[in-house]
C-alpha atoms as a PDB file:
ATOM      1  CA  MET A   1       0.136   0.199  -0.042  1.00  0.00           C
ATOM      2  CA  ALA A   2       1.431   3.513  -0.896  1.00  0.00           C
ATOM      3  CA  ASN A   3       2.279   6.324   1.290  1.00  0.00           C
ATOM      4  CA  VAL A   4       2.274   3.572   4.899  1.00  0.00           C
ATOM      5  CA  SER A   5       4.962   3.764   7.021  1.00  0.00           C
ATOM      6  CA  TYR A   6       6.027   1.067   9.408  1.00  0.00           C
ATOM      7  CA  SER A   7       8.154   1.109  12.742  1.00  0.00           C
ATOM      8  CA  VAL A   8       9.288  -1.385  15.154  1.00  0.00           C
ATOM      9  CA  GLY A   9      11.437  -1.031  18.430  1.00  0.00           C
ATOM     10  CA  TYR A  10      12.011  -1.456  21.986  1.00  0.00           C
ATOM     11  CA  LEU A  11      12.785  -0.483  25.264  1.00  0.00           C
ATOM     12  CA  ASP A  12      14.758  -2.135  27.822  1.00  0.00           C
ATOM     13  CA  PHE A  13      14.124  -1.488  32.172  1.00  0.00           C
ATOM     14  CA  SER A  14      16.684  -2.822  34.862  1.00  0.00           C
ATOM     15  CA  ASP A  15      13.782  -1.627  37.015  1.00  0.00           C
ATOM     16  CA  ALA A  16      10.763  -3.482  35.066  1.00  0.00           C
ATOM     17  CA  SER A  17       8.057  -5.252  37.539  1.00  0.00           C
ATOM     18  CA  ASP A  18       4.814  -7.402  36.666  1.00  0.00           C
ATOM     19  CA  THR A  19       2.447  -5.360  38.978  1.00  0.00           C
ATOM     20  CA  VAL A  20      -0.232  -3.819  37.153  1.00  0.00           C
ATOM     21  CA  GLU A  21       1.188  -0.048  38.514  1.00  0.00           C
ATOM     22  CA  PHE A  22       4.095  -0.190  37.388  1.00  0.00           C
ATOM     23  CA  LEU A  23       2.758  -1.566  33.494  1.00  0.00           C
ATOM     24  CA  SER A  24       0.540   1.512  33.628  1.00  0.00           C
ATOM     25  CA  ALA A  25       2.967   4.011  34.649  1.00  0.00           C
ATOM     26  CA  ARG A  26       4.714   2.667  31.474  1.00  0.00           C
ATOM     27  CA  ILE A  27       2.582   2.670  29.260  1.00  0.00           C
ATOM     28  CA  ASP A  28       0.819   5.774  29.964  1.00  0.00           C
ATOM     29  CA  ALA A  29       4.806   7.259  29.733  1.00  0.00           C
ATOM     30  CA  ILE A  30       4.785   5.850  26.452  1.00  0.00           C
ATOM     31  CA  ARG A  31       1.721   7.120  25.286  1.00  0.00           C
ATOM     32  CA  ASP A  32       2.599  10.988  26.504  1.00  0.00           C
ATOM     33  CA  GLU A  33       5.941  10.795  25.137  1.00  0.00           C
ATOM     34  CA  ILE A  34       4.209  10.194  21.391  1.00  0.00           C
ATOM     35  CA  LEU A  35       1.704  13.032  22.295  1.00  0.00           C
ATOM     36  CA  ALA A  36       4.793  15.520  22.918  1.00  0.00           C
ATOM     37  CA  ARG A  37       6.661  14.745  20.066  1.00  0.00           C
ATOM     38  CA  ASN A  38       4.179  16.810  18.020  1.00  0.00           C
ATOM     39  CA  LYS A  39       2.217  19.134  19.858  1.00  0.00           C
ATOM     40  CA  SER A  40      -0.673  19.018  16.873  1.00  0.00           C
ATOM     41  CA  SER A  41      -1.008  15.270  17.812  1.00  0.00           C
ATOM     42  CA  GLN A  42      -4.345  14.254  19.304  1.00  0.00           C
ATOM     43  CA  LEU A  43      -5.076  11.181  20.833  1.00  0.00           C
ATOM     44  CA  ILE A  44      -8.556   9.832  19.627  1.00  0.00           C
ATOM     45  CA  ASN A  45      -8.986   6.642  21.193  1.00  0.00           C
ATOM     46  CA  GLU A  46      -7.072   4.194  23.397  1.00  0.00           C
ATOM     47  CA  GLN A  47      -7.825   0.691  24.441  1.00  0.00           C
ATOM     48  CA  GLU A  48      -6.160  -1.777  26.697  1.00  0.00           C
ATOM     49  CA  LEU A  49      -4.091  -4.909  24.243  1.00  0.00           C
ATOM     50  CA  LYS A  50      -4.026  -8.619  25.668  1.00  0.00           C
ATOM     51  CA  ALA A  51      -0.869 -10.355  24.004  1.00  0.00           C
ATOM     52  CA  GLY A  52      -0.763 -14.333  25.399  1.00  0.00           C
ATOM     53  CA  THR A  53      -0.514 -13.171  29.001  1.00  0.00           C
ATOM     54  CA  PHE A  54       1.053  -9.812  28.620  1.00  0.00           C
ATOM     55  CA  THR A  55      -0.093  -6.923  29.165  1.00  0.00           C
ATOM     56  CA  GLY A  56      -0.569  -3.947  26.115  1.00  0.00           C
ATOM     57  CA  ARG A  57      -1.900  -0.360  24.693  1.00  0.00           C
ATOM     58  CA  GLU A  58      -2.990   0.966  21.418  1.00  0.00           C
ATOM     59  CA  PHE A  59      -3.616   4.526  20.525  1.00  0.00           C
ATOM     60  CA  LEU A  60      -5.308   5.797  17.777  1.00  0.00           C
ATOM     61  CA  VAL A  61      -3.494   9.585  17.140  1.00  0.00           C
ATOM     62  CA  VAL A  62      -4.080  11.830  14.496  1.00  0.00           C
ATOM     63  CA  GLN A  63      -2.143  14.672  13.326  1.00  0.00           C
ATOM     64  CA  GLU A  64      -3.995  17.946  12.439  1.00  0.00           C
ATOM     65  CA  GLN A  65      -6.220  15.448  10.112  1.00  0.00           C
ATOM     66  CA  ARG A  66      -3.399  14.352   7.577  1.00  0.00           C
ATOM     67  CA  THR A  67      -1.698  11.594   9.156  1.00  0.00           C
ATOM     68  CA  PHE A  68      -3.078   8.684  11.125  1.00  0.00           C
ATOM     69  CA  THR A  69      -1.413   6.757  13.521  1.00  0.00           C
ATOM     70  CA  ILE A  70      -1.808   3.077  14.604  1.00  0.00           C
ATOM     71  CA  VAL A  71       0.853   2.642  18.308  1.00  0.00           C
ATOM     72  CA  ARG A  72       0.645  -0.716  19.765  1.00  0.00           C
ATOM     73  CA  THR A  73       2.945  -0.976  23.202  1.00  0.00           C
ATOM     74  CA  TYR A  74       3.612  -4.258  25.051  1.00  0.00           C
ATOM     75  CA  LEU A  75       5.597  -4.584  27.933  1.00  0.00           C
ATOM     76  CA  VAL A  76       6.868  -8.627  28.073  1.00  0.00           C
ATOM     77  CA  HIS A  77       8.921  -8.461  31.042  1.00  0.00           C
ATOM     78  CA  GLU A  78      11.186  -6.152  31.509  1.00  0.00           C
ATOM     79  CA  ARG A  79      11.259  -5.353  27.708  1.00  0.00           C
ATOM     80  CA  LEU A  80       8.884  -2.707  26.175  1.00  0.00           C
ATOM     81  CA  TYR A  81       7.976  -3.266  22.320  1.00  0.00           C
ATOM     82  CA  GLN A  82       6.388  -0.187  20.137  1.00  0.00           C
ATOM     83  CA  VAL A  83       5.317  -1.356  16.771  1.00  0.00           C
ATOM     84  CA  ALA A  84       3.214   1.504  14.843  1.00  0.00           C
ATOM     85  CA  VAL A  85       1.992   2.016  11.442  1.00  0.00           C
ATOM     86  CA  GLN A  86       1.336   5.183   9.795  1.00  0.00           C
ATOM     87  CA  VAL A  87      -0.797   6.166   6.928  1.00  0.00           C
ATOM     88  CA  PRO A  88      -2.236   9.903   5.300  1.00  0.00           C
ATOM     89  CA  VAL A  89      -6.031  10.071   6.809  1.00  0.00           C
ATOM     90  CA  SER A  90      -6.956  10.501   3.409  1.00  0.00           C
ATOM     91  CA  VAL A  91      -5.855   6.964   2.404  1.00  0.00           C
ATOM     92  CA  ALA A  92      -7.213   5.347   5.856  1.00  0.00           C
ATOM     93  CA  PHE A  93     -10.544   6.282   5.970  1.00  0.00           C
ATOM     94  CA  THR A  94     -13.397   6.357   3.638  1.00  0.00           C
ATOM     95  CA  ASN A  95     -14.505   9.997   4.369  1.00  0.00           C
ATOM     96  CA  GLY A  96     -11.284  11.116   4.356  1.00  0.00           C
ATOM     97  CA  LYS A  97     -11.868  12.487   8.338  1.00  0.00           C
ATOM     98  CA  ALA A  98     -10.086  10.306  10.990  1.00  0.00           C
ATOM     99  CA  THR A  99     -12.307   8.668  13.596  1.00  0.00           C
ATOM    100  CA  ALA A 100     -12.380   6.292  16.380  1.00  0.00           C
ATOM    101  CA  ARG A 101     -14.433   4.053  14.617  1.00  0.00           C
ATOM    102  CA  ARG A 102     -12.769   1.010  12.313  1.00  0.00           C
ATOM    103  CA  GLN A 103     -15.377   0.463  10.071  1.00  0.00           C
ATOM    104  CA  ASP A 104     -15.010   4.056   9.400  1.00  0.00           C
ATOM    105  CA  GLN A 105     -11.382   2.897   7.856  1.00  0.00           C
ATOM    106  CA  THR A 106     -10.569   1.846   4.120  1.00  0.00           C
ATOM    107  CA  GLU A 107     -10.752  -1.670   3.327  1.00  0.00           C
ATOM    108  CA  SER A 108      -7.057  -1.335   2.198  1.00  0.00           C
ATOM    109  CA  PHE A 109      -5.504   0.117   5.300  1.00  0.00           C
ATOM    110  CA  LYS A 110      -7.472  -2.307   7.586  1.00  0.00           C
ATOM    111  CA  SER A 111      -6.136  -5.284   5.428  1.00  0.00           C
ATOM    112  CA  THR A 112      -2.380  -3.669   5.347  1.00  0.00           C
ATOM    113  CA  ALA A 113      -2.697  -2.935   8.992  1.00  0.00           C
ATOM    114  CA  ILE A 114      -3.928  -6.635  10.217  1.00  0.00           C
ATOM    115  CA  ARG A 115      -0.950  -7.615   8.189  1.00  0.00           C
ATOM    116  CA  PHE A 116       1.423  -5.569  10.066  1.00  0.00           C
ATOM    117  CA  PHE A 117       0.587  -6.055  13.194  1.00  0.00           C
ATOM    118  CA  SER A 118      -0.807  -9.831  12.425  1.00  0.00           C
ATOM    119  CA  SER A 119       3.561 -10.384  11.308  1.00  0.00           C
ATOM    120  CA  PHE A 120       4.995  -9.290  14.919  1.00  0.00           C
ATOM    121  CA  ASP A 121       5.969 -11.973  16.476  1.00  0.00           C
ATOM    122  CA  VAL A 122       8.019 -12.852  20.085  1.00  0.00           C
ATOM    123  CA  PRO A 123       8.844 -15.999  21.503  1.00  0.00           C
ATOM    124  CA  ALA A 124       7.896 -14.900  24.973  1.00  0.00           C
ATOM    125  CA  ILE A 125       4.150 -13.612  23.635  1.00  0.00           C
ATOM    126  CA  ASP A 126       3.632 -17.013  21.848  1.00  0.00           C
ATOM    127  CA  GLU A 127       4.410 -19.502  24.409  1.00  0.00           C
ATOM    128  CA  THR A 128       1.794 -17.961  26.324  1.00  0.00           C
ATOM    129  CA  MET A 129      -0.842 -17.780  24.027  1.00  0.00           C
ATOM    130  CA  ASP A 130      -3.470 -20.355  24.139  1.00  0.00           C
ATOM    131  CA  ASP A 131      -5.446 -21.945  21.730  1.00  0.00           C
ATOM    132  CA  PHE A 132      -8.352 -19.269  21.456  1.00  0.00           C
ATOM    133  CA  ASP A 133      -5.376 -16.531  21.801  1.00  0.00           C
ATOM    134  CA  ARG A 134      -3.946 -18.741  18.585  1.00  0.00           C
ATOM    135  CA  ALA A 135      -7.013 -18.795  16.461  1.00  0.00           C
ATOM    136  CA  ALA A 136      -7.898 -15.273  17.089  1.00  0.00           C
ATOM    137  CA  ARG A 137      -4.865 -14.538  15.141  1.00  0.00           C
ATOM    138  CA  GLU A 138      -5.008 -16.878  12.641  1.00  0.00           C
ATOM    139  CA  ILE A 139      -8.639 -16.285  11.362  1.00  0.00           C
ATOM    140  CA  GLU A 140      -6.952 -12.017  11.841  1.00  0.00           C
ATOM    141  CA  LYS A 141      -4.301 -13.473   9.062  1.00  0.00           C
ATOM    142  CA  LYS A 142      -6.404 -15.590   7.022  1.00  0.00           C
ATOM    143  CA  ASN A 143      -8.661 -12.416   6.507  1.00  0.00           C
ATOM    144  CA  PRO A 144      -6.931  -9.393   7.001  1.00  0.00           C
ATOM    145  CA  GLY A 145      -9.596  -6.802   6.941  1.00  0.00           C
ATOM    146  CA  THR A 146     -12.405  -8.734   8.521  1.00  0.00           C
ATOM    147  CA  LEU A 147     -13.456  -7.094  11.699  1.00  0.00           C
ATOM    148  CA  THR A 148     -14.035  -9.013  15.194  1.00  0.00           C
ATOM    149  CA  VAL A 149     -16.906  -7.102  17.263  1.00  0.00           C
ATOM    150  CA  MET A 150     -18.163  -8.062  20.620  1.00  0.00           C
ATOM    151  CA  CYS A 151     -21.991  -7.657  19.682  1.00  0.00           C
ATOM    152  CA  THR A 152     -24.515  -6.887  21.936  1.00  0.00           C
ATOM    153  CA  PRO A 153     -27.094  -7.424  21.028  1.00  0.00           C
ATOM    154  CA  CYS A 154     -26.133 -10.276  18.939  1.00  0.00           C
ATOM    155  CA  GLY A 155     -28.289  -9.512  15.918  1.00  0.00           C
ATOM    156  CA  GLY A 156     -29.341  -6.866  13.942  1.00  0.00           C
ATOM    157  CA  ASP A 157     -26.568  -4.830  12.210  1.00  0.00           C
ATOM    158  CA  ASN A 158     -24.412  -2.744  15.030  1.00  0.00           C
ATOM    159  CA  PRO A 159     -22.428  -5.120  17.298  1.00  0.00           C
ATOM    160  CA  VAL A 160     -20.041  -2.827  19.827  1.00  0.00           C
ATOM    161  CA  GLN A 161     -16.901  -2.934  18.317  1.00  0.00           C
ATOM    162  CA  ASP A 162     -13.521  -2.906  20.469  1.00  0.00           C
ATOM    163  CA  SER A 163     -15.049  -3.058  23.763  1.00  0.00           C
ATOM    164  CA  LYS A 164     -14.038  -5.355  26.625  1.00  0.00           C
ATOM    165  CA  THR A 165     -18.035  -6.021  27.377  1.00  0.00           C
ATOM    166  CA  GLN A 166     -18.801 -10.040  25.611  1.00  0.00           C
ATOM    167  CA  VAL A 167     -22.621 -10.520  25.597  1.00  0.00           C
ATOM    168  CA  VAL A 168     -24.248 -14.080  25.564  1.00  0.00           C
ATOM    169  CA  VAL A 169     -24.830 -14.990  22.414  1.00  0.00           C
ATOM    170  CA  ASN A 170     -26.661 -18.633  22.869  1.00  0.00           C
ATOM    171  CA  GLY A 171     -30.016 -17.079  21.089  1.00  0.00           C
ATOM    172  CA  LYS A 172     -27.835 -16.195  17.526  1.00  0.00           C
ATOM    173  CA  ALA A 173     -27.374 -20.139  17.468  1.00  0.00           C
ATOM    174  CA  ILE A 174     -28.466 -22.091  14.706  1.00  0.00           C
ATOM    175  CA  THR A 175     -27.770 -25.408  16.332  1.00  0.00           C
ATOM    176  CA  LEU A 176     -26.937 -25.463  20.022  1.00  0.00           C
ATOM    177  CA  VAL A 177     -25.353 -28.485  21.012  1.00  0.00           C
ATOM    178  CA  THR A 178     -26.281 -29.654  24.490  1.00  0.00           C
ATOM    179  CA  PRO A 179     -22.905 -30.507  26.382  1.00  0.00           C
ATOM    180  CA  ALA A 180     -22.561 -34.033  27.542  1.00  0.00           C
ATOM    181  CA  TYR A 181     -22.688 -34.166  31.461  1.00  0.00           C
ATOM    182  CA  PRO A 182     -19.811 -36.282  32.416  1.00  0.00           C
ATOM    183  CA  ALA A 183     -19.390 -39.538  34.614  1.00  0.00           C
ATOM    184  CA  ILE A 184     -16.723 -37.968  36.766  1.00  0.00           C
ATOM    185  CA  ALA A 185     -19.110 -34.889  37.385  1.00  0.00           C
ATOM    186  CA  HIS A 186     -22.036 -37.104  38.161  1.00  0.00           C
ATOM    187  CA  SER A 187     -19.973 -38.989  40.689  1.00  0.00           C
ATOM    188  CA  ALA A 188     -19.426 -35.230  41.819  1.00  0.00           C
ATOM    189  CA  HIS A 189     -22.630 -34.021  42.260  1.00  0.00           C
ATOM    190  CA  ALA A 190     -21.026 -31.189  39.633  1.00  0.00           C
ATOM    191  CA  SER A 191     -23.599 -28.274  38.749  1.00  0.00           C
ATOM    192  CA  GLY A 192     -24.112 -24.627  37.709  1.00  0.00           C
ATOM    193  CA  GLN A 193     -23.127 -22.642  35.325  1.00  0.00           C
ATOM    194  CA  VAL A 194     -20.628 -22.732  32.413  1.00  0.00           C
ATOM    195  CA  ARG A 195     -19.271 -20.045  30.463  1.00  0.00           C
ATOM    196  CA  VAL A 196     -18.045 -20.319  27.521  1.00  0.00           C
ATOM    197  CA  GLN A 197     -15.858 -17.547  25.530  1.00  0.00           C
ATOM    198  CA  VAL A 198     -16.493 -18.158  21.624  1.00  0.00           C
ATOM    199  CA  LEU A 199     -14.843 -16.936  18.686  1.00  0.00           C
ATOM    200  CA  ILE A 200     -17.316 -17.331  15.134  1.00  0.00           C
ATOM    201  CA  ASP A 201     -15.863 -16.694  12.197  1.00  0.00           C
ATOM    202  CA  VAL A 202     -17.716 -15.311   8.940  1.00  0.00           C
ATOM    203  CA  GLU A 203     -19.420 -18.649   7.935  1.00  0.00           C
ATOM    204  CA  GLY A 204     -20.628 -19.015  11.642  1.00  0.00           C
ATOM    205  CA  ASN A 205     -18.609 -21.601  12.474  1.00  0.00           C
ATOM    206  CA  VAL A 206     -17.013 -21.812  16.485  1.00  0.00           C
ATOM    207  CA  ALA A 207     -12.894 -21.463  15.229  1.00  0.00           C
ATOM    208  CA  ALA A 208     -12.103 -21.282  19.307  1.00  0.00           C
ATOM    209  CA  ALA A 209     -14.017 -22.115  22.392  1.00  0.00           C
ATOM    210  CA  ARG A 210     -12.105 -21.457  25.845  1.00  0.00           C
ATOM    211  CA  ALA A 211     -14.165 -22.024  29.386  1.00  0.00           C
ATOM    212  CA  VAL A 212     -13.642 -19.226  31.513  1.00  0.00           C
ATOM    213  CA  ASP A 213     -15.624 -19.644  34.768  1.00  0.00           C
ATOM    214  CA  GLY A 214     -17.867 -22.446  36.035  1.00  0.00           C
ATOM    215  CA  HIS A 215     -16.596 -26.166  38.114  1.00  0.00           C
ATOM    216  CA  PRO A 216     -13.860 -27.243  36.759  1.00  0.00           C
ATOM    217  CA  LEU A 217     -15.084 -30.528  36.140  1.00  0.00           C
ATOM    218  CA  LEU A 218     -17.547 -29.334  34.056  1.00  0.00           C
ATOM    219  CA  ARG A 219     -15.589 -27.554  31.713  1.00  0.00           C
ATOM    220  CA  ALA A 220     -13.929 -29.456  29.105  1.00  0.00           C
ATOM    221  CA  ALA A 221     -17.879 -30.958  28.436  1.00  0.00           C
ATOM    222  CA  ALA A 222     -18.906 -27.372  27.587  1.00  0.00           C
ATOM    223  CA  GLU A 223     -16.422 -25.897  24.971  1.00  0.00           C
ATOM    224  CA  LYS A 224     -16.844 -29.224  23.217  1.00  0.00           C
ATOM    225  CA  ALA A 225     -20.547 -28.840  23.088  1.00  0.00           C
ATOM    226  CA  ALA A 226     -19.482 -24.737  21.851  1.00  0.00           C
ATOM    227  CA  ARG A 227     -17.186 -26.148  19.468  1.00  0.00           C
ATOM    228  CA  GLU A 228     -19.928 -28.111  17.787  1.00  0.00           C
ATOM    229  CA  SER A 229     -22.542 -25.692  17.684  1.00  0.00           C
ATOM    230  CA  LYS A 230     -23.092 -23.457  14.466  1.00  0.00           C
ATOM    231  CA  PHE A 231     -24.631 -19.559  14.264  1.00  0.00           C
ATOM    232  CA  ALA A 232     -26.221 -17.126  11.955  1.00  0.00           C
ATOM    233  CA  PRO A 233     -23.134 -15.514  10.505  1.00  0.00           C
ATOM    234  CA  THR A 234     -23.277 -11.735  11.719  1.00  0.00           C
ATOM    235  CA  LYS A 235     -22.858  -8.442   9.223  1.00  0.00           C
ATOM    236  CA  VAL A 236     -21.613  -4.933  10.060  1.00  0.00           C
ATOM    237  CA  GLU A 237     -23.462  -2.541   7.571  1.00  0.00           C
ATOM    238  CA  GLY A 238     -23.499  -5.116   5.002  1.00  0.00           C
ATOM    239  CA  LYS A 239     -20.333  -6.748   5.759  1.00  0.00           C
ATOM    240  CA  LEU A 240     -19.471 -10.104   7.399  1.00  0.00           C
ATOM    241  CA  VAL A 241     -17.701  -9.760  10.910  1.00  0.00           C
ATOM    242  CA  ASN A 242     -16.390 -12.320  13.247  1.00  0.00           C
ATOM    243  CA  VAL A 243     -17.910 -12.400  16.848  1.00  0.00           C
ATOM    244  CA  ASN A 244     -15.922 -12.801  20.454  1.00  0.00           C
ATOM    245  CA  GLY A 245     -18.412 -13.855  22.384  1.00  0.00           C
ATOM    246  CA  ILE A 246     -20.192 -15.804  25.907  1.00  0.00           C
ATOM    247  CA  ILE A 247     -22.051 -18.757  25.535  1.00  0.00           C
ATOM    248  CA  ILE A 248     -23.800 -19.952  28.965  1.00  0.00           C
ATOM    249  CA  TYR A 249     -24.264 -23.600  29.765  1.00  0.00           C
ATOM    250  CA  ASN A 250     -26.275 -24.708  33.078  1.00  0.00           C
ATOM    251  CA  PHE A 251     -25.563 -28.108  34.170  1.00  0.00           C
ATOM    252  CA  MET A 252     -27.753 -30.001  36.674  1.00  0.00           C
ATOM    253  CA  SER A 253     -26.942 -32.156  39.124  1.00  0.00           C
ATOM    254  CA  GLN A 254     -27.855 -35.634  37.773  1.00  0.00           C
END
């Protein structure tokens, strides 16, 4: 893609700590430095990122409605990585004006940015990723430019995007498989609710599933049922998107 610049850098901290306070302070400092480099810079969005077990943050920065930059930072042990892509606003946005809405970006820029960020590999990060995180990454690589949304509600054409809020998608299922009640769970009289995070691709298939809470003896059965379920494809503004949501299963002691 023409007129796009990329950068990758890192900074080591001898006093690094895994505490929330340290991580937040360091990333805040990076954000403030980015904005201080050019007084005309404006931060239009900021959100937390997770890379495996590591914390990061994404900044969307615009300079005088001329240049748009996406900066992603990750603190991995004592090393802070900074990855950025920069492009003219006129190239990045369909209406020529920078916004925090990803759907306002041109398809060519979204595809370019996703390919670039997906190519950023750090062994320490990759080693901490579970199957769900790896599946999400592979979907991005396979279909660059396709949005992954948190849908609320998970019907209609306006799911919430770039949100930490995940909502129940049971009602969106075409086929919601009922999990088997494991024999070991029966012996232990295990019961209750299991919440399973699912990543649904553009065809409505469950690409990945992981139980995020619930009785340990029930989680594997819930995950298996979730992976075998089928959903109606979801669209945002007429375009197919991946969906990140929650299936809730209720197990009754048998």
